[in-house]
Amino acid sequence: MAHIDETAISPNEPRPDVERAALSSFVSLPVLQRSSVILKDVLGLSLEEIAQTTGTTVPAVKAALNRGRTTLREQPRGDAVPWRDRPETSAAERAMLDRYVALFNARDWPGVEALLIEECRLDLVSKSLRRGRKQVTPYLGNYAREDVRLAVGRAEGRDVLGVYRPASSLEPAYLIALELDGERVGLIRDWRYVPYLMGEVSFSDTEAERRS
């Protein structure tokens, strides 16, 4: 079990012990606790910066930070990759990933949106949670303004999406995982704000392998 000193709120330096613990467990924390731990103990932001980023107050950040650290300390060591113990990607899931990538890379945003169920959930890990297609549309709009591409790849036994930013990059900057609800996408989990997850997984670009 990783040990976290919950009393050390004042230093601004990132803490490797908390980083490792957060990688294994933080996805189970409430959003504010998760954001506070990551932004403070991993990225080294000040309490004031965290309050501004999360739209709350410094006292609320302190409370969330203490609760989040306590929860992480008491949890047994988990796994940084939530899909590692899930079944192998099904043929339907793989077809959906391919379709999502094709539409995304073609910049067909209405097409991507049409793949989402009405109550689609978006988890911007360590940042925010959104529910409903109307809430997810601005997220897609942000990508529309960036030089970015997706590719289907394998990470820890499942097919996920590698995000290449800029599009000409040879290695993905971070990952996106999709989960189906029926025949469409019910959950998008995007690790944009925790790119260090790439140090915890082994990703292989299966699209590149198929082309070679």
N, C-alpha and C. Protein backbone atom coordinates (compact mmCIF):
# COMPACT_ATOMS: atom_id res chain seq x y z
N MET A 1 0.85 -1.20 0.00
CA MET A 1 0.00 0.00 0.00
C MET A 1 0.88 1.24 0.00
N ALA A 2 0.57 2.19 -0.86
CA ALA A 2 1.33 3.42 -0.89
C ALA A 2 0.99 4.27 0.31
N HIS A 3 2.00 4.91 0.92
CA HIS A 3 1.77 5.77 2.09
C HIS A 3 1.73 7.22 1.65
N ILE A 4 0.73 7.93 2.12
CA ILE A 4 0.58 9.35 1.80
C ILE A 4 0.49 10.13 3.09
N ASP A 5 1.32 11.13 3.26
CA ASP A 5 1.29 11.99 4.43
C ASP A 5 0.24 13.07 4.23
N GLU A 6 -0.93 12.88 4.84
CA GLU A 6 -2.04 13.80 4.59
C GLU A 6 -1.85 15.15 5.25
N THR A 7 -0.85 15.30 6.14
CA THR A 7 -0.67 16.57 6.83
C THR A 7 0.15 17.55 6.02
N ALA A 8 0.83 17.08 4.98
CA ALA A 8 1.75 17.96 4.24
C ALA A 8 1.01 18.68 3.13
N ILE A 9 0.32 19.76 3.48
CA ILE A 9 -0.45 20.50 2.48
C ILE A 9 0.33 21.66 1.90
N SER A 10 1.28 22.21 2.66
CA SER A 10 1.89 23.45 2.21
C SER A 10 2.91 23.33 1.09
N PRO A 11 3.77 22.26 0.99
CA PRO A 11 4.77 22.26 -0.08
C PRO A 11 4.12 22.23 -1.45
N ASN A 12 4.75 22.90 -2.41
CA ASN A 12 4.22 22.93 -3.77
C ASN A 12 4.86 21.90 -4.67
N GLU A 13 5.92 21.22 -4.23
CA GLU A 13 6.60 20.28 -5.10
C GLU A 13 5.75 19.04 -5.32
N PRO A 14 5.73 18.53 -6.58
CA PRO A 14 5.05 17.26 -6.83
C PRO A 14 5.66 16.16 -5.99
N ARG A 15 4.84 15.20 -5.57
CA ARG A 15 5.30 14.13 -4.69
C ARG A 15 5.17 12.80 -5.41
N PRO A 16 6.27 12.11 -5.71
CA PRO A 16 6.21 10.85 -6.45
C PRO A 16 5.40 9.78 -5.75
N ASP A 17 5.41 9.76 -4.39
CA ASP A 17 4.65 8.73 -3.69
C ASP A 17 3.17 8.88 -3.93
N VAL A 18 2.69 10.14 -3.91
CA VAL A 18 1.28 10.38 -4.16
C VAL A 18 0.96 10.17 -5.63
N GLU A 19 1.88 10.50 -6.51
CA GLU A 19 1.66 10.27 -7.94
C GLU A 19 1.39 8.80 -8.20
N ARG A 20 2.21 7.94 -7.60
CA ARG A 20 2.04 6.51 -7.84
C ARG A 20 0.72 6.02 -7.25
N ALA A 21 0.40 6.50 -6.04
CA ALA A 21 -0.86 6.11 -5.42
C ALA A 21 -2.04 6.62 -6.23
N ALA A 22 -1.94 7.86 -6.74
CA ALA A 22 -3.03 8.42 -7.53
C ALA A 22 -3.24 7.64 -8.81
N LEU A 23 -2.16 7.23 -9.44
CA LEU A 23 -2.27 6.46 -10.66
C LEU A 23 -3.03 5.16 -10.42
N SER A 24 -2.89 4.60 -9.25
CA SER A 24 -3.52 3.31 -8.98
C SER A 24 -4.94 3.43 -8.47
N SER A 25 -5.31 4.58 -7.86
CA SER A 25 -6.58 4.63 -7.14
C SER A 25 -7.43 5.86 -7.39
N PHE A 26 -6.86 6.93 -7.99
CA PHE A 26 -7.57 8.20 -7.97
C PHE A 26 -8.87 8.18 -8.74
N VAL A 27 -9.03 7.25 -9.72
CA VAL A 27 -10.26 7.26 -10.52
C VAL A 27 -11.49 6.96 -9.67
N SER A 28 -11.31 6.40 -8.46
CA SER A 28 -12.45 6.10 -7.60
C SER A 28 -12.85 7.27 -6.71
N LEU A 29 -12.05 8.34 -6.69
CA LEU A 29 -12.33 9.48 -5.82
C LEU A 29 -13.40 10.38 -6.44
N PRO A 30 -14.18 11.10 -5.59
CA PRO A 30 -15.05 12.15 -6.13
C PRO A 30 -14.23 13.18 -6.90
N VAL A 31 -14.89 13.89 -7.81
CA VAL A 31 -14.16 14.73 -8.75
C VAL A 31 -13.28 15.77 -8.05
N LEU A 32 -13.81 16.49 -7.05
CA LEU A 32 -13.01 17.53 -6.41
C LEU A 32 -11.84 16.95 -5.65
N GLN A 33 -12.04 15.83 -4.96
CA GLN A 33 -10.93 15.19 -4.26
C GLN A 33 -9.88 14.72 -5.25
N ARG A 34 -10.33 14.10 -6.32
CA ARG A 34 -9.41 13.59 -7.32
C ARG A 34 -8.62 14.73 -7.94
N SER A 35 -9.32 15.80 -8.31
CA SER A 35 -8.64 16.94 -8.93
C SER A 35 -7.66 17.58 -7.96
N SER A 36 -8.04 17.71 -6.71
CA SER A 36 -7.17 18.36 -5.72
C SER A 36 -5.89 17.57 -5.51
N VAL A 37 -6.02 16.25 -5.39
CA VAL A 37 -4.84 15.41 -5.18
C VAL A 37 -3.91 15.46 -6.38
N ILE A 38 -4.48 15.33 -7.58
CA ILE A 38 -3.65 15.34 -8.78
C ILE A 38 -3.00 16.70 -8.98
N LEU A 39 -3.78 17.76 -8.89
CA LEU A 39 -3.25 19.09 -9.16
C LEU A 39 -2.22 19.53 -8.12
N LYS A 40 -2.42 19.10 -6.87
CA LYS A 40 -1.49 19.51 -5.81
C LYS A 40 -0.29 18.59 -5.73
N ASP A 41 -0.54 17.29 -5.55
CA ASP A 41 0.53 16.37 -5.21
C ASP A 41 1.27 15.80 -6.41
N VAL A 42 0.65 15.88 -7.57
CA VAL A 42 1.31 15.39 -8.77
C VAL A 42 1.85 16.54 -9.62
N LEU A 43 1.01 17.56 -9.85
CA LEU A 43 1.40 18.66 -10.72
C LEU A 43 1.98 19.86 -9.98
N GLY A 44 1.84 19.87 -8.65
CA GLY A 44 2.50 20.89 -7.86
C GLY A 44 1.85 22.25 -7.87
N LEU A 45 0.56 22.35 -8.18
CA LEU A 45 -0.13 23.64 -8.16
C LEU A 45 -0.35 24.10 -6.73
N SER A 46 -0.48 25.41 -6.54
CA SER A 46 -0.78 25.95 -5.22
C SER A 46 -2.26 25.76 -4.92
N LEU A 47 -2.62 25.93 -3.64
CA LEU A 47 -4.02 25.81 -3.26
C LEU A 47 -4.87 26.85 -3.98
N GLU A 48 -4.33 28.05 -4.12
CA GLU A 48 -5.07 29.11 -4.81
C GLU A 48 -5.29 28.77 -6.27
N GLU A 49 -4.28 28.21 -6.92
CA GLU A 49 -4.41 27.83 -8.34
C GLU A 49 -5.43 26.71 -8.50
N ILE A 50 -5.43 25.77 -7.55
CA ILE A 50 -6.39 24.66 -7.63
C ILE A 50 -7.81 25.20 -7.46
N ALA A 51 -7.99 26.11 -6.50
CA ALA A 51 -9.31 26.69 -6.29
C ALA A 51 -9.81 27.40 -7.53
N GLN A 52 -8.91 28.13 -8.19
CA GLN A 52 -9.31 28.83 -9.41
C GLN A 52 -9.63 27.85 -10.52
N THR A 53 -8.83 26.79 -10.66
CA THR A 53 -9.04 25.80 -11.72
C THR A 53 -10.34 25.05 -11.54
N THR A 54 -10.66 24.70 -10.29
CA THR A 54 -11.85 23.88 -10.01
C THR A 54 -13.08 24.69 -9.73
N GLY A 55 -12.93 26.03 -9.66
CA GLY A 55 -14.07 26.89 -9.42
C GLY A 55 -14.62 26.80 -8.02
N THR A 56 -13.73 26.60 -7.04
CA THR A 56 -14.18 26.50 -5.65
C THR A 56 -13.29 27.39 -4.78
N THR A 57 -13.29 27.16 -3.47
CA THR A 57 -12.53 27.99 -2.55
C THR A 57 -11.32 27.24 -2.00
N VAL A 58 -10.37 27.99 -1.45
CA VAL A 58 -9.18 27.37 -0.85
C VAL A 58 -9.57 26.44 0.31
N PRO A 59 -10.46 26.84 1.24
CA PRO A 59 -10.85 25.91 2.29
C PRO A 59 -11.46 24.62 1.75
N ALA A 60 -12.27 24.74 0.68
CA ALA A 60 -12.86 23.54 0.09
C ALA A 60 -11.79 22.64 -0.51
N VAL A 61 -10.77 23.25 -1.12
CA VAL A 61 -9.67 22.48 -1.68
C VAL A 61 -8.90 21.76 -0.57
N LYS A 62 -8.63 22.48 0.53
CA LYS A 62 -7.91 21.85 1.65
C LYS A 62 -8.68 20.64 2.18
N ALA A 63 -9.99 20.80 2.33
CA ALA A 63 -10.80 19.70 2.84
C ALA A 63 -10.80 18.52 1.86
N ALA A 64 -10.97 18.83 0.58
CA ALA A 64 -10.98 17.76 -0.42
C ALA A 64 -9.63 17.07 -0.50
N LEU A 65 -8.56 17.85 -0.37
CA LEU A 65 -7.22 17.28 -0.42
C LEU A 65 -6.98 16.33 0.75
N ASN A 66 -7.40 16.74 1.95
CA ASN A 66 -7.24 15.87 3.11
C ASN A 66 -8.05 14.59 2.97
N ARG A 67 -9.31 14.74 2.53
CA ARG A 67 -10.15 13.54 2.38
C ARG A 67 -9.61 12.62 1.28
N GLY A 68 -9.18 13.22 0.17
CA GLY A 68 -8.64 12.40 -0.92
C GLY A 68 -7.39 11.66 -0.51
N ARG A 69 -6.47 12.36 0.19
CA ARG A 69 -5.24 11.70 0.64
C ARG A 69 -5.54 10.58 1.62
N THR A 70 -6.49 10.83 2.53
CA THR A 70 -6.86 9.80 3.50
C THR A 70 -7.42 8.57 2.80
N THR A 71 -8.31 8.80 1.83
CA THR A 71 -8.89 7.67 1.09
C THR A 71 -7.83 6.88 0.35
N LEU A 72 -6.91 7.58 -0.31
CA LEU A 72 -5.85 6.90 -1.04
C LEU A 72 -4.95 6.10 -0.10
N ARG A 73 -4.66 6.67 1.08
CA ARG A 73 -3.79 5.99 2.01
C ARG A 73 -4.43 4.70 2.53
N GLU A 74 -5.75 4.75 2.71
CA GLU A 74 -6.44 3.60 3.30
C GLU A 74 -6.81 2.54 2.29
N GLN A 75 -6.79 2.88 1.01
CA GLN A 75 -7.13 1.90 -0.01
C GLN A 75 -5.96 0.97 -0.27
N PRO A 76 -6.24 -0.31 -0.52
CA PRO A 76 -5.16 -1.19 -0.99
C PRO A 76 -4.72 -0.75 -2.37
N ARG A 77 -3.48 -1.08 -2.69
CA ARG A 77 -2.92 -0.69 -3.99
C ARG A 77 -3.76 -1.23 -5.11
N GLY A 78 -4.26 -0.36 -5.96
CA GLY A 78 -5.10 -0.78 -7.06
C GLY A 78 -4.32 -0.87 -8.35
N ASP A 79 -4.95 -0.46 -9.42
CA ASP A 79 -4.32 -0.55 -10.73
C ASP A 79 -4.55 0.73 -11.48
N ALA A 80 -3.53 1.22 -12.15
CA ALA A 80 -3.63 2.49 -12.87
C ALA A 80 -4.55 2.39 -14.07
N VAL A 81 -4.77 1.20 -14.57
CA VAL A 81 -5.51 1.02 -15.81
C VAL A 81 -6.83 0.33 -15.52
N PRO A 82 -7.95 1.05 -15.52
CA PRO A 82 -9.23 0.48 -15.09
C PRO A 82 -9.74 -0.64 -15.97
N TRP A 83 -9.24 -0.75 -17.21
CA TRP A 83 -9.75 -1.80 -18.10
C TRP A 83 -8.91 -3.06 -18.07
N ARG A 84 -7.84 -3.10 -17.25
CA ARG A 84 -6.89 -4.21 -17.33
C ARG A 84 -7.55 -5.56 -17.07
N ASP A 85 -8.53 -5.60 -16.16
CA ASP A 85 -9.17 -6.87 -15.81
C ASP A 85 -10.47 -7.10 -16.56
N ARG A 86 -10.78 -6.26 -17.53
CA ARG A 86 -12.00 -6.43 -18.30
C ARG A 86 -11.79 -7.46 -19.41
N PRO A 87 -12.90 -8.03 -19.92
CA PRO A 87 -12.76 -9.01 -21.00
C PRO A 87 -12.12 -8.41 -22.25
N GLU A 88 -11.68 -9.28 -23.11
CA GLU A 88 -11.09 -8.86 -24.39
C GLU A 88 -12.09 -8.01 -25.18
N THR A 89 -11.57 -7.07 -25.95
CA THR A 89 -12.42 -6.23 -26.79
C THR A 89 -13.24 -7.10 -27.74
N SER A 90 -14.53 -6.85 -27.79
CA SER A 90 -15.40 -7.62 -28.67
C SER A 90 -15.31 -7.08 -30.09
N ALA A 91 -15.84 -7.86 -31.04
CA ALA A 91 -15.85 -7.42 -32.43
C ALA A 91 -16.68 -6.15 -32.59
N ALA A 92 -17.80 -6.05 -31.85
CA ALA A 92 -18.65 -4.86 -31.93
C ALA A 92 -17.92 -3.65 -31.38
N GLU A 93 -17.19 -3.83 -30.28
CA GLU A 93 -16.43 -2.71 -29.71
C GLU A 93 -15.33 -2.25 -30.66
N ARG A 94 -14.65 -3.21 -31.26
CA ARG A 94 -13.57 -2.84 -32.19
C ARG A 94 -14.12 -2.10 -33.40
N ALA A 95 -15.27 -2.56 -33.92
CA ALA A 95 -15.89 -1.87 -35.06
C ALA A 95 -16.27 -0.44 -34.68
N MET A 96 -16.76 -0.25 -33.44
CA MET A 96 -17.12 1.09 -33.01
C MET A 96 -15.89 1.97 -32.87
N LEU A 97 -14.80 1.43 -32.33
CA LEU A 97 -13.56 2.20 -32.22
C LEU A 97 -13.07 2.64 -33.60
N ASP A 98 -13.10 1.72 -34.55
CA ASP A 98 -12.67 2.06 -35.90
C ASP A 98 -13.55 3.16 -36.51
N ARG A 99 -14.86 3.06 -36.28
CA ARG A 99 -15.78 4.05 -36.81
C ARG A 99 -15.55 5.41 -36.16
N TYR A 100 -15.38 5.42 -34.84
CA TYR A 100 -15.14 6.65 -34.10
C TYR A 100 -13.87 7.34 -34.60
N VAL A 101 -12.81 6.55 -34.77
CA VAL A 101 -11.53 7.09 -35.23
C VAL A 101 -11.65 7.65 -36.64
N ALA A 102 -12.34 6.92 -37.52
CA ALA A 102 -12.48 7.38 -38.89
C ALA A 102 -13.21 8.71 -38.96
N LEU A 103 -14.29 8.84 -38.22
CA LEU A 103 -15.06 10.09 -38.23
C LEU A 103 -14.27 11.21 -37.56
N PHE A 104 -13.61 10.91 -36.45
CA PHE A 104 -12.81 11.92 -35.74
C PHE A 104 -11.70 12.45 -36.65
N ASN A 105 -10.96 11.57 -37.29
CA ASN A 105 -9.85 12.01 -38.13
C ASN A 105 -10.31 12.70 -39.40
N ALA A 106 -11.55 12.42 -39.81
CA ALA A 106 -12.13 13.14 -40.96
C ALA A 106 -12.73 14.47 -40.54
N ARG A 107 -12.67 14.79 -39.25
CA ARG A 107 -13.23 16.02 -38.68
C ARG A 107 -14.74 16.09 -38.89
N ASP A 108 -15.38 14.92 -38.93
CA ASP A 108 -16.83 14.84 -39.08
C ASP A 108 -17.45 14.83 -37.68
N TRP A 109 -17.54 16.00 -37.06
CA TRP A 109 -18.00 16.07 -35.68
C TRP A 109 -19.47 15.72 -35.52
N PRO A 110 -20.37 16.11 -36.44
CA PRO A 110 -21.75 15.61 -36.32
C PRO A 110 -21.80 14.08 -36.39
N GLY A 111 -20.92 13.49 -37.20
CA GLY A 111 -20.89 12.03 -37.29
C GLY A 111 -20.43 11.41 -35.99
N VAL A 112 -19.41 12.00 -35.36
CA VAL A 112 -18.95 11.49 -34.07
C VAL A 112 -20.06 11.62 -33.03
N GLU A 113 -20.71 12.78 -33.00
CA GLU A 113 -21.77 13.00 -32.03
C GLU A 113 -22.91 12.00 -32.21
N ALA A 114 -23.18 11.63 -33.45
CA ALA A 114 -24.26 10.67 -33.71
C ALA A 114 -23.95 9.28 -33.17
N LEU A 115 -22.69 9.00 -32.89
CA LEU A 115 -22.31 7.70 -32.32
C LEU A 115 -22.60 7.62 -30.82
N LEU A 116 -22.90 8.76 -30.19
CA LEU A 116 -23.08 8.80 -28.75
C LEU A 116 -24.53 8.59 -28.37
N ILE A 117 -24.78 7.86 -27.29
CA ILE A 117 -26.14 7.77 -26.78
C ILE A 117 -26.53 9.13 -26.20
N GLU A 118 -27.81 9.35 -26.03
CA GLU A 118 -28.28 10.66 -25.56
C GLU A 118 -27.70 11.00 -24.19
N GLU A 119 -27.56 9.99 -23.32
CA GLU A 119 -27.04 10.21 -21.96
C GLU A 119 -25.57 9.81 -21.86
N CYS A 120 -24.83 9.97 -22.92
CA CYS A 120 -23.41 9.62 -22.91
C CYS A 120 -22.70 10.36 -21.78
N ARG A 121 -21.80 9.64 -21.11
CA ARG A 121 -21.00 10.24 -20.04
C ARG A 121 -19.58 10.52 -20.55
N LEU A 122 -19.02 11.61 -20.09
CA LEU A 122 -17.64 11.98 -20.41
C LEU A 122 -16.88 12.13 -19.11
N ASP A 123 -15.80 11.38 -18.97
CA ASP A 123 -14.91 11.50 -17.82
C ASP A 123 -13.58 12.07 -18.31
N LEU A 124 -13.38 13.37 -18.10
CA LEU A 124 -12.07 13.97 -18.32
C LEU A 124 -11.28 13.73 -17.04
N VAL A 125 -10.53 12.66 -17.03
CA VAL A 125 -9.94 12.15 -15.79
C VAL A 125 -9.11 13.23 -15.11
N SER A 126 -9.39 13.42 -13.82
CA SER A 126 -8.78 14.39 -12.91
C SER A 126 -9.29 15.81 -13.14
N LYS A 127 -10.22 15.99 -14.09
CA LYS A 127 -10.70 17.33 -14.42
C LYS A 127 -12.19 17.50 -14.17
N SER A 128 -13.03 16.72 -14.87
CA SER A 128 -14.47 16.93 -14.73
C SER A 128 -15.22 15.72 -15.26
N LEU A 129 -16.49 15.65 -14.88
CA LEU A 129 -17.43 14.64 -15.37
C LEU A 129 -18.60 15.36 -16.03
N ARG A 130 -19.04 14.85 -17.17
CA ARG A 130 -20.18 15.44 -17.86
C ARG A 130 -21.13 14.32 -18.28
N ARG A 131 -22.40 14.67 -18.40
CA ARG A 131 -23.40 13.68 -18.82
C ARG A 131 -24.33 14.32 -19.84
N GLY A 132 -24.60 13.58 -20.89
CA GLY A 132 -25.53 14.05 -21.91
C GLY A 132 -24.80 14.56 -23.14
N ARG A 133 -25.39 14.27 -24.29
CA ARG A 133 -24.74 14.64 -25.54
C ARG A 133 -24.49 16.15 -25.65
N LYS A 134 -25.40 16.95 -25.12
CA LYS A 134 -25.22 18.40 -25.18
C LYS A 134 -24.00 18.84 -24.37
N GLN A 135 -23.69 18.13 -23.30
CA GLN A 135 -22.52 18.46 -22.49
C GLN A 135 -21.23 17.98 -23.13
N VAL A 136 -21.32 16.96 -23.96
CA VAL A 136 -20.12 16.40 -24.59
C VAL A 136 -19.74 17.17 -25.85
N THR A 137 -20.72 17.81 -26.50
CA THR A 137 -20.46 18.51 -27.75
C THR A 137 -19.34 19.55 -27.64
N PRO A 138 -19.28 20.38 -26.58
CA PRO A 138 -18.16 21.34 -26.48
C PRO A 138 -16.81 20.65 -26.38
N TYR A 139 -16.78 19.47 -25.76
CA TYR A 139 -15.54 18.68 -25.69
C TYR A 139 -15.06 18.32 -27.08
N LEU A 140 -15.96 17.89 -27.94
CA LEU A 140 -15.58 17.58 -29.32
C LEU A 140 -15.14 18.85 -30.04
N GLY A 141 -15.80 19.97 -29.73
CA GLY A 141 -15.44 21.23 -30.34
C GLY A 141 -14.02 21.66 -30.01
N ASN A 142 -13.56 21.34 -28.80
CA ASN A 142 -12.18 21.65 -28.43
C ASN A 142 -11.20 20.90 -29.32
N TYR A 143 -11.48 19.64 -29.58
CA TYR A 143 -10.61 18.86 -30.45
C TYR A 143 -10.67 19.37 -31.89
N ALA A 144 -11.80 19.91 -32.29
CA ALA A 144 -11.93 20.43 -33.65
C ALA A 144 -10.95 21.56 -33.91
N ARG A 145 -10.52 22.23 -32.86
CA ARG A 145 -9.60 23.37 -33.01
C ARG A 145 -8.14 22.96 -32.86
N GLU A 146 -7.87 21.68 -32.68
CA GLU A 146 -6.51 21.22 -32.45
C GLU A 146 -5.98 20.39 -33.61
N ASP A 147 -4.66 20.36 -33.72
CA ASP A 147 -3.98 19.49 -34.68
C ASP A 147 -3.75 18.16 -33.99
N VAL A 148 -4.69 17.25 -34.17
CA VAL A 148 -4.68 16.00 -33.41
C VAL A 148 -5.28 14.89 -34.26
N ARG A 149 -4.84 13.67 -34.03
CA ARG A 149 -5.44 12.52 -34.68
C ARG A 149 -5.52 11.37 -33.67
N LEU A 150 -6.41 10.43 -33.96
CA LEU A 150 -6.56 9.24 -33.13
C LEU A 150 -6.11 8.00 -33.89
N ALA A 151 -5.71 6.99 -33.16
CA ALA A 151 -5.40 5.69 -33.74
C ALA A 151 -5.78 4.61 -32.74
N VAL A 152 -6.36 3.52 -33.24
CA VAL A 152 -6.69 2.39 -32.38
C VAL A 152 -5.40 1.64 -32.04
N GLY A 153 -5.25 1.31 -30.78
CA GLY A 153 -4.07 0.58 -30.36
C GLY A 153 -4.39 -0.35 -29.21
N ARG A 154 -3.40 -1.15 -28.85
CA ARG A 154 -3.55 -2.10 -27.75
C ARG A 154 -2.81 -1.58 -26.54
N ALA A 155 -3.49 -1.60 -25.39
CA ALA A 155 -2.86 -1.22 -24.13
C ALA A 155 -3.38 -2.14 -23.04
N GLU A 156 -2.49 -2.93 -22.47
CA GLU A 156 -2.85 -3.83 -21.38
C GLU A 156 -4.01 -4.75 -21.77
N GLY A 157 -3.94 -5.30 -22.97
CA GLY A 157 -4.89 -6.34 -23.37
C GLY A 157 -6.19 -5.87 -23.96
N ARG A 158 -6.39 -4.54 -24.11
CA ARG A 158 -7.63 -4.06 -24.71
C ARG A 158 -7.34 -3.03 -25.78
N ASP A 159 -8.30 -2.87 -26.67
CA ASP A 159 -8.18 -1.85 -27.71
C ASP A 159 -8.65 -0.51 -27.15
N VAL A 160 -7.80 0.48 -27.25
CA VAL A 160 -8.12 1.84 -26.81
C VAL A 160 -7.66 2.80 -27.89
N LEU A 161 -7.83 4.09 -27.66
CA LEU A 161 -7.45 5.09 -28.65
C LEU A 161 -6.22 5.85 -28.17
N GLY A 162 -5.21 5.90 -29.02
CA GLY A 162 -4.07 6.74 -28.77
C GLY A 162 -4.31 8.11 -29.37
N VAL A 163 -3.98 9.16 -28.63
CA VAL A 163 -4.18 10.54 -29.08
C VAL A 163 -2.83 11.12 -29.47
N TYR A 164 -2.68 11.43 -30.74
CA TYR A 164 -1.42 11.96 -31.27
C TYR A 164 -1.57 13.46 -31.44
N ARG A 165 -0.80 14.21 -30.67
CA ARG A 165 -0.89 15.66 -30.67
C ARG A 165 0.50 16.27 -30.58
N PRO A 166 0.94 16.92 -31.70
CA PRO A 166 0.24 17.17 -32.97
C PRO A 166 0.03 15.88 -33.76
N ALA A 167 -0.75 15.97 -34.81
CA ALA A 167 -1.12 14.78 -35.57
C ALA A 167 0.08 14.07 -36.16
N SER A 168 1.16 14.79 -36.40
CA SER A 168 2.36 14.20 -37.00
C SER A 168 3.22 13.44 -36.00
N SER A 169 2.85 13.48 -34.72
CA SER A 169 3.64 12.81 -33.69
C SER A 169 3.73 11.31 -33.96
N LEU A 170 4.85 10.73 -33.56
CA LEU A 170 5.06 9.30 -33.73
C LEU A 170 4.60 8.49 -32.53
N GLU A 171 4.44 9.15 -31.39
CA GLU A 171 4.00 8.48 -30.17
C GLU A 171 2.77 9.21 -29.62
N PRO A 172 1.79 8.46 -29.08
CA PRO A 172 0.61 9.12 -28.52
C PRO A 172 0.95 9.89 -27.25
N ALA A 173 0.27 11.02 -27.07
CA ALA A 173 0.48 11.83 -25.86
C ALA A 173 -0.31 11.27 -24.68
N TYR A 174 -1.47 10.68 -24.97
CA TYR A 174 -2.31 10.11 -23.91
C TYR A 174 -3.35 9.21 -24.56
N LEU A 175 -4.25 8.66 -23.76
CA LEU A 175 -5.21 7.66 -24.24
C LEU A 175 -6.65 8.11 -24.03
N ILE A 176 -7.53 7.53 -24.83
CA ILE A 176 -8.97 7.63 -24.64
C ILE A 176 -9.54 6.22 -24.68
N ALA A 177 -10.42 5.90 -23.75
CA ALA A 177 -11.11 4.60 -23.75
C ALA A 177 -12.60 4.84 -23.96
N LEU A 178 -13.21 4.04 -24.81
CA LEU A 178 -14.64 4.12 -25.06
C LEU A 178 -15.32 2.87 -24.50
N GLU A 179 -16.53 3.04 -23.97
CA GLU A 179 -17.34 1.91 -23.55
C GLU A 179 -18.70 2.00 -24.24
N LEU A 180 -19.18 0.87 -24.70
CA LEU A 180 -20.44 0.84 -25.44
C LEU A 180 -21.64 0.73 -24.51
N ASP A 181 -22.74 1.30 -24.94
CA ASP A 181 -24.05 1.11 -24.34
C ASP A 181 -24.95 0.70 -25.48
N GLY A 182 -25.19 -0.59 -25.60
CA GLY A 182 -25.87 -1.08 -26.80
C GLY A 182 -24.93 -1.01 -27.98
N GLU A 183 -25.38 -0.34 -29.04
CA GLU A 183 -24.57 -0.26 -30.24
C GLU A 183 -23.87 1.08 -30.40
N ARG A 184 -23.98 1.94 -29.38
CA ARG A 184 -23.33 3.24 -29.46
C ARG A 184 -22.46 3.49 -28.23
N VAL A 185 -21.79 4.62 -28.22
CA VAL A 185 -20.85 4.94 -27.15
C VAL A 185 -21.59 5.47 -25.93
N GLY A 186 -21.37 4.82 -24.79
CA GLY A 186 -22.01 5.26 -23.56
C GLY A 186 -21.09 6.01 -22.63
N LEU A 187 -19.78 5.81 -22.80
CA LEU A 187 -18.81 6.46 -21.92
C LEU A 187 -17.54 6.77 -22.70
N ILE A 188 -17.06 7.99 -22.56
CA ILE A 188 -15.74 8.39 -23.07
C ILE A 188 -14.88 8.71 -21.85
N ARG A 189 -13.78 8.00 -21.71
CA ARG A 189 -12.85 8.30 -20.62
C ARG A 189 -11.56 8.82 -21.25
N ASP A 190 -11.27 10.08 -21.02
CA ASP A 190 -10.18 10.79 -21.70
C ASP A 190 -9.12 11.18 -20.67
N TRP A 191 -7.86 10.71 -20.90
CA TRP A 191 -6.75 10.97 -19.98
C TRP A 191 -5.92 12.18 -20.42
N ARG A 192 -6.56 13.15 -21.06
CA ARG A 192 -5.85 14.34 -21.54
C ARG A 192 -5.08 15.03 -20.42
N TYR A 193 -5.65 15.09 -19.22
CA TYR A 193 -5.04 15.84 -18.12
C TYR A 193 -4.14 14.97 -17.23
N VAL A 194 -4.00 13.71 -17.58
CA VAL A 194 -3.05 12.85 -16.84
C VAL A 194 -2.20 12.07 -17.84
N PRO A 195 -1.41 12.79 -18.67
CA PRO A 195 -0.62 12.12 -19.70
C PRO A 195 0.43 11.18 -19.14
N TYR A 196 0.78 11.34 -17.85
CA TYR A 196 1.78 10.45 -17.26
C TYR A 196 1.28 9.01 -17.16
N LEU A 197 -0.01 8.78 -17.40
CA LEU A 197 -0.50 7.41 -17.46
C LEU A 197 0.25 6.62 -18.52
N MET A 198 0.73 7.30 -19.56
CA MET A 198 1.45 6.60 -20.63
C MET A 198 2.69 5.89 -20.09
N GLY A 199 3.21 6.36 -18.95
CA GLY A 199 4.34 5.67 -18.35
C GLY A 199 3.96 4.40 -17.65
N GLU A 200 2.65 4.15 -17.50
CA GLU A 200 2.18 2.97 -16.79
C GLU A 200 1.66 1.88 -17.72
N VAL A 201 1.54 2.17 -19.01
CA VAL A 201 0.97 1.20 -19.94
C VAL A 201 1.90 1.00 -21.12
N SER A 202 1.70 -0.11 -21.79
CA SER A 202 2.43 -0.39 -23.02
C SER A 202 1.43 -0.30 -24.17
N PHE A 203 1.59 0.70 -25.03
CA PHE A 203 0.65 0.96 -26.12
C PHE A 203 1.28 0.59 -27.44
N SER A 204 0.56 -0.16 -28.25
CA SER A 204 1.02 -0.47 -29.61
C SER A 204 -0.06 -0.05 -30.60
N ASP A 205 0.35 0.65 -31.63
CA ASP A 205 -0.56 1.19 -32.64
C ASP A 205 -0.93 0.07 -33.60
N THR A 206 -2.10 -0.52 -33.42
CA THR A 206 -2.51 -1.65 -34.25
C THR A 206 -2.85 -1.22 -35.66
N GLU A 207 -3.27 0.06 -35.84
CA GLU A 207 -3.53 0.54 -37.19
C GLU A 207 -2.23 0.58 -37.99
N ALA A 208 -1.16 1.05 -37.37
CA ALA A 208 0.13 1.09 -38.05
C ALA A 208 0.61 -0.32 -38.37
N GLU A 209 0.35 -1.24 -37.45
CA GLU A 209 0.77 -2.64 -37.70
C GLU A 209 0.00 -3.24 -38.87
N ARG A 210 -1.27 -2.88 -39.00
CA ARG A 210 -2.07 -3.42 -40.11
C ARG A 210 -1.62 -2.84 -41.45
N ARG A 211 -1.14 -1.59 -41.41
CA ARG A 211 -0.70 -0.97 -42.66
C ARG A 211 0.67 -1.47 -43.13
N SER A 212 1.47 -1.95 -42.16
CA SER A 212 2.84 -2.37 -42.50
C SER A 212 2.89 -3.77 -43.06
